[in-house]
Amino acid sequence: MGVKDKLKGFEPEAIYEEPPKGALEKLTRLPYFAKAYEPDGTTKREFDRQGALVVTAAELAEAARGMVAFVAQRFEVPGKN
């Protein structure tokens, strides 16, 4: 059994639930989280430059490049350049 099998199913109403108090207290110690958690706390420009988002976007782009390279290799015709 993998981790995915242990996850609960999607709950559409979960957005209306209060987050666990301890978790929220820890997260609000992070300045970028505390600011973004407030309504209108982060501008679009600030959000686009937030560290975790930038790193995640770079990792996703790298993974996509790797996948494209892998697929391209499978379509190469042997002996043809």
N, C-alpha and C. Protein backbone atom coordinates (compact mmCIF):
# COMPACT_ATOMS: atom_id res chain seq x y z
N MET A 1 0.85 -1.18 0.00
CA MET A 1 0.00 0.00 0.00
C MET A 1 0.89 1.24 0.00
N GLY A 2 0.67 2.11 -0.96
CA GLY A 2 1.46 3.34 -1.06
C GLY A 2 0.82 4.49 -0.30
N VAL A 3 1.55 5.59 -0.26
CA VAL A 3 1.06 6.79 0.44
C VAL A 3 -0.26 7.26 -0.17
N LYS A 4 -0.36 7.20 -1.48
CA LYS A 4 -1.57 7.65 -2.16
C LYS A 4 -2.81 6.91 -1.66
N ASP A 5 -2.64 5.62 -1.35
CA ASP A 5 -3.77 4.81 -0.88
C ASP A 5 -4.23 5.23 0.52
N LYS A 6 -3.37 5.90 1.28
CA LYS A 6 -3.70 6.31 2.63
C LYS A 6 -4.39 7.68 2.69
N LEU A 7 -4.38 8.41 1.57
CA LEU A 7 -4.97 9.74 1.54
C LEU A 7 -6.49 9.67 1.51
N LYS A 8 -7.12 10.63 2.18
CA LYS A 8 -8.57 10.73 2.13
C LYS A 8 -8.96 11.25 0.74
N GLY A 9 -10.18 10.97 0.36
CA GLY A 9 -10.68 11.45 -0.91
C GLY A 9 -10.88 12.96 -0.90
N PHE A 10 -11.08 13.54 -2.07
CA PHE A 10 -11.29 14.98 -2.21
C PHE A 10 -12.59 15.38 -1.51
N GLU A 11 -12.51 16.43 -0.72
CA GLU A 11 -13.68 16.94 0.00
C GLU A 11 -13.95 18.37 -0.46
N PRO A 12 -14.92 18.57 -1.33
CA PRO A 12 -15.18 19.90 -1.88
C PRO A 12 -15.52 20.95 -0.83
N GLU A 13 -16.07 20.56 0.29
CA GLU A 13 -16.46 21.51 1.33
C GLU A 13 -15.33 21.80 2.30
N ALA A 14 -14.19 21.16 2.13
CA ALA A 14 -13.07 21.32 3.07
C ALA A 14 -12.58 22.76 3.17
N ILE A 15 -12.76 23.54 2.14
CA ILE A 15 -12.30 24.93 2.15
C ILE A 15 -13.00 25.74 3.24
N TYR A 16 -14.16 25.28 3.66
CA TYR A 16 -14.93 26.01 4.68
C TYR A 16 -14.56 25.58 6.10
N GLU A 17 -13.72 24.55 6.24
CA GLU A 17 -13.32 24.08 7.56
C GLU A 17 -12.18 24.94 8.09
N GLU A 18 -12.15 25.11 9.41
CA GLU A 18 -11.05 25.83 10.04
C GLU A 18 -9.81 24.95 10.02
N PRO A 19 -8.65 25.52 9.73
CA PRO A 19 -7.42 24.72 9.77
C PRO A 19 -7.07 24.34 11.20
N PRO A 20 -6.29 23.28 11.37
CA PRO A 20 -5.87 22.92 12.73
C PRO A 20 -5.12 24.09 13.38
N LYS A 21 -5.46 24.42 14.61
CA LYS A 21 -4.89 25.60 15.27
C LYS A 21 -3.36 25.55 15.31
N GLY A 22 -2.80 24.45 15.72
CA GLY A 22 -1.34 24.34 15.80
C GLY A 22 -0.66 24.56 14.47
N ALA A 23 -1.25 24.01 13.41
CA ALA A 23 -0.66 24.16 12.08
C ALA A 23 -0.69 25.62 11.64
N LEU A 24 -1.81 26.28 11.86
CA LEU A 24 -1.94 27.68 11.46
C LEU A 24 -0.98 28.56 12.25
N GLU A 25 -0.81 28.28 13.53
CA GLU A 25 0.13 29.06 14.35
C GLU A 25 1.55 28.93 13.81
N LYS A 26 1.94 27.72 13.44
CA LYS A 26 3.29 27.52 12.89
C LYS A 26 3.44 28.24 11.55
N LEU A 27 2.45 28.10 10.69
CA LEU A 27 2.54 28.72 9.36
C LEU A 27 2.59 30.24 9.44
N THR A 28 1.85 30.83 10.35
CA THR A 28 1.83 32.29 10.43
C THR A 28 3.15 32.87 10.97
N ARG A 29 4.05 32.02 11.42
CA ARG A 29 5.39 32.48 11.80
C ARG A 29 6.24 32.77 10.56
N LEU A 30 5.82 32.24 9.43
CA LEU A 30 6.53 32.50 8.17
C LEU A 30 6.00 33.80 7.60
N PRO A 31 6.87 34.81 7.48
CA PRO A 31 6.39 36.13 7.03
C PRO A 31 5.61 36.09 5.71
N TYR A 32 6.09 35.33 4.73
CA TYR A 32 5.38 35.32 3.44
C TYR A 32 4.02 34.64 3.55
N PHE A 33 3.91 33.64 4.44
CA PHE A 33 2.61 32.99 4.64
C PHE A 33 1.66 33.93 5.36
N ALA A 34 2.15 34.53 6.43
CA ALA A 34 1.31 35.44 7.22
C ALA A 34 0.73 36.55 6.35
N LYS A 35 1.57 37.10 5.49
CA LYS A 35 1.11 38.17 4.61
C LYS A 35 0.10 37.66 3.59
N ALA A 36 0.39 36.51 2.98
CA ALA A 36 -0.49 35.96 1.96
C ALA A 36 -1.81 35.45 2.53
N TYR A 37 -1.81 35.07 3.80
CA TYR A 37 -3.01 34.55 4.44
C TYR A 37 -4.07 35.63 4.64
N GLU A 38 -3.64 36.85 4.77
CA GLU A 38 -4.57 37.96 4.95
C GLU A 38 -5.25 38.30 3.62
N PRO A 39 -6.53 38.63 3.67
CA PRO A 39 -7.21 39.06 2.44
C PRO A 39 -6.47 40.27 1.84
N ASP A 40 -6.19 40.22 0.59
CA ASP A 40 -5.48 41.29 -0.13
C ASP A 40 -4.09 41.54 0.47
N GLY A 41 -3.50 40.53 1.11
CA GLY A 41 -2.21 40.70 1.75
C GLY A 41 -1.03 40.66 0.80
N THR A 42 -1.18 39.99 -0.33
CA THR A 42 -0.10 39.85 -1.29
C THR A 42 -0.57 40.28 -2.67
N THR A 43 0.20 41.13 -3.31
CA THR A 43 -0.15 41.53 -4.68
C THR A 43 0.23 40.41 -5.64
N LYS A 44 -0.29 40.47 -6.85
CA LYS A 44 0.05 39.46 -7.86
C LYS A 44 1.56 39.46 -8.11
N ARG A 45 2.14 40.63 -8.17
CA ARG A 45 3.58 40.74 -8.41
C ARG A 45 4.39 40.09 -7.28
N GLU A 46 3.98 40.34 -6.04
CA GLU A 46 4.66 39.73 -4.89
C GLU A 46 4.50 38.21 -4.90
N PHE A 47 3.29 37.75 -5.23
CA PHE A 47 3.03 36.31 -5.27
C PHE A 47 3.91 35.63 -6.31
N ASP A 48 4.04 36.25 -7.47
CA ASP A 48 4.85 35.68 -8.55
C ASP A 48 6.33 35.59 -8.19
N ARG A 49 6.76 36.32 -7.19
CA ARG A 49 8.17 36.34 -6.78
C ARG A 49 8.41 35.61 -5.46
N GLN A 50 7.37 34.99 -4.91
CA GLN A 50 7.49 34.30 -3.62
C GLN A 50 8.40 33.09 -3.80
N GLY A 51 9.32 32.91 -2.87
CA GLY A 51 10.37 31.90 -2.98
C GLY A 51 9.90 30.49 -3.29
N ALA A 52 8.94 29.98 -2.52
CA ALA A 52 8.47 28.61 -2.72
C ALA A 52 7.84 28.45 -4.11
N LEU A 53 7.12 29.45 -4.56
CA LEU A 53 6.50 29.39 -5.89
C LEU A 53 7.57 29.37 -6.97
N VAL A 54 8.57 30.21 -6.85
CA VAL A 54 9.64 30.29 -7.85
C VAL A 54 10.38 28.96 -7.93
N VAL A 55 10.73 28.38 -6.79
CA VAL A 55 11.45 27.10 -6.78
C VAL A 55 10.58 25.99 -7.37
N THR A 56 9.32 25.94 -6.98
CA THR A 56 8.41 24.91 -7.50
C THR A 56 8.24 25.05 -9.01
N ALA A 57 8.10 26.27 -9.50
CA ALA A 57 7.96 26.49 -10.94
C ALA A 57 9.21 26.05 -11.68
N ALA A 58 10.39 26.33 -11.12
CA ALA A 58 11.65 25.92 -11.75
C ALA A 58 11.76 24.40 -11.79
N GLU A 59 11.38 23.73 -10.70
CA GLU A 59 11.43 22.27 -10.66
C GLU A 59 10.45 21.66 -11.65
N LEU A 60 9.27 22.23 -11.75
CA LEU A 60 8.27 21.74 -12.70
C LEU A 60 8.77 21.92 -14.14
N ALA A 61 9.35 23.07 -14.43
CA ALA A 61 9.88 23.31 -15.77
C ALA A 61 10.99 22.32 -16.11
N GLU A 62 11.86 22.04 -15.15
CA GLU A 62 12.94 21.08 -15.37
C GLU A 62 12.39 19.68 -15.63
N ALA A 63 11.39 19.28 -14.86
CA ALA A 63 10.77 17.97 -15.05
C ALA A 63 10.10 17.89 -16.42
N ALA A 64 9.44 18.97 -16.84
CA ALA A 64 8.79 18.98 -18.15
C ALA A 64 9.82 18.87 -19.26
N ARG A 65 10.96 19.59 -19.12
CA ARG A 65 12.02 19.48 -20.13
C ARG A 65 12.54 18.05 -20.21
N GLY A 66 12.71 17.41 -19.07
CA GLY A 66 13.17 16.03 -19.05
C GLY A 66 12.19 15.09 -19.72
N MET A 67 10.91 15.30 -19.47
CA MET A 67 9.89 14.46 -20.09
C MET A 67 9.88 14.65 -21.61
N VAL A 68 9.96 15.90 -22.05
CA VAL A 68 9.97 16.17 -23.49
C VAL A 68 11.20 15.53 -24.14
N ALA A 69 12.34 15.62 -23.49
CA ALA A 69 13.56 15.01 -24.04
C ALA A 69 13.41 13.50 -24.11
N PHE A 70 12.82 12.90 -23.09
CA PHE A 70 12.60 11.45 -23.08
C PHE A 70 11.70 11.03 -24.23
N VAL A 71 10.59 11.73 -24.41
CA VAL A 71 9.65 11.40 -25.49
C VAL A 71 10.30 11.62 -26.84
N ALA A 72 11.05 12.71 -26.99
CA ALA A 72 11.72 12.99 -28.27
C ALA A 72 12.70 11.87 -28.62
N GLN A 73 13.40 11.34 -27.62
CA GLN A 73 14.33 10.24 -27.86
C GLN A 73 13.61 9.02 -28.40
N ARG A 74 12.43 8.76 -27.90
CA ARG A 74 11.67 7.58 -28.33
C ARG A 74 11.19 7.71 -29.77
N PHE A 75 11.10 8.93 -30.28
CA PHE A 75 10.63 9.14 -31.64
C PHE A 75 11.77 9.30 -32.64
N GLU A 76 13.01 9.28 -32.15
CA GLU A 76 14.14 9.39 -33.06
C GLU A 76 14.25 8.16 -33.92
N VAL A 77 14.59 8.40 -35.17
CA VAL A 77 14.79 7.30 -36.12
C VAL A 77 16.26 6.93 -36.06
N PRO A 78 16.56 5.66 -35.76
CA PRO A 78 17.98 5.24 -35.68
C PRO A 78 18.73 5.53 -36.99
N GLY A 79 19.92 6.12 -36.88
CA GLY A 79 20.75 6.41 -38.03
C GLY A 79 20.39 7.67 -38.79
N LYS A 80 19.39 8.39 -38.32
CA LYS A 80 18.95 9.60 -39.00
C LYS A 80 19.22 10.80 -38.10
N ASN A 81 19.80 11.86 -38.61
CA ASN A 81 20.06 13.06 -37.82
C ASN A 81 19.35 14.24 -38.38
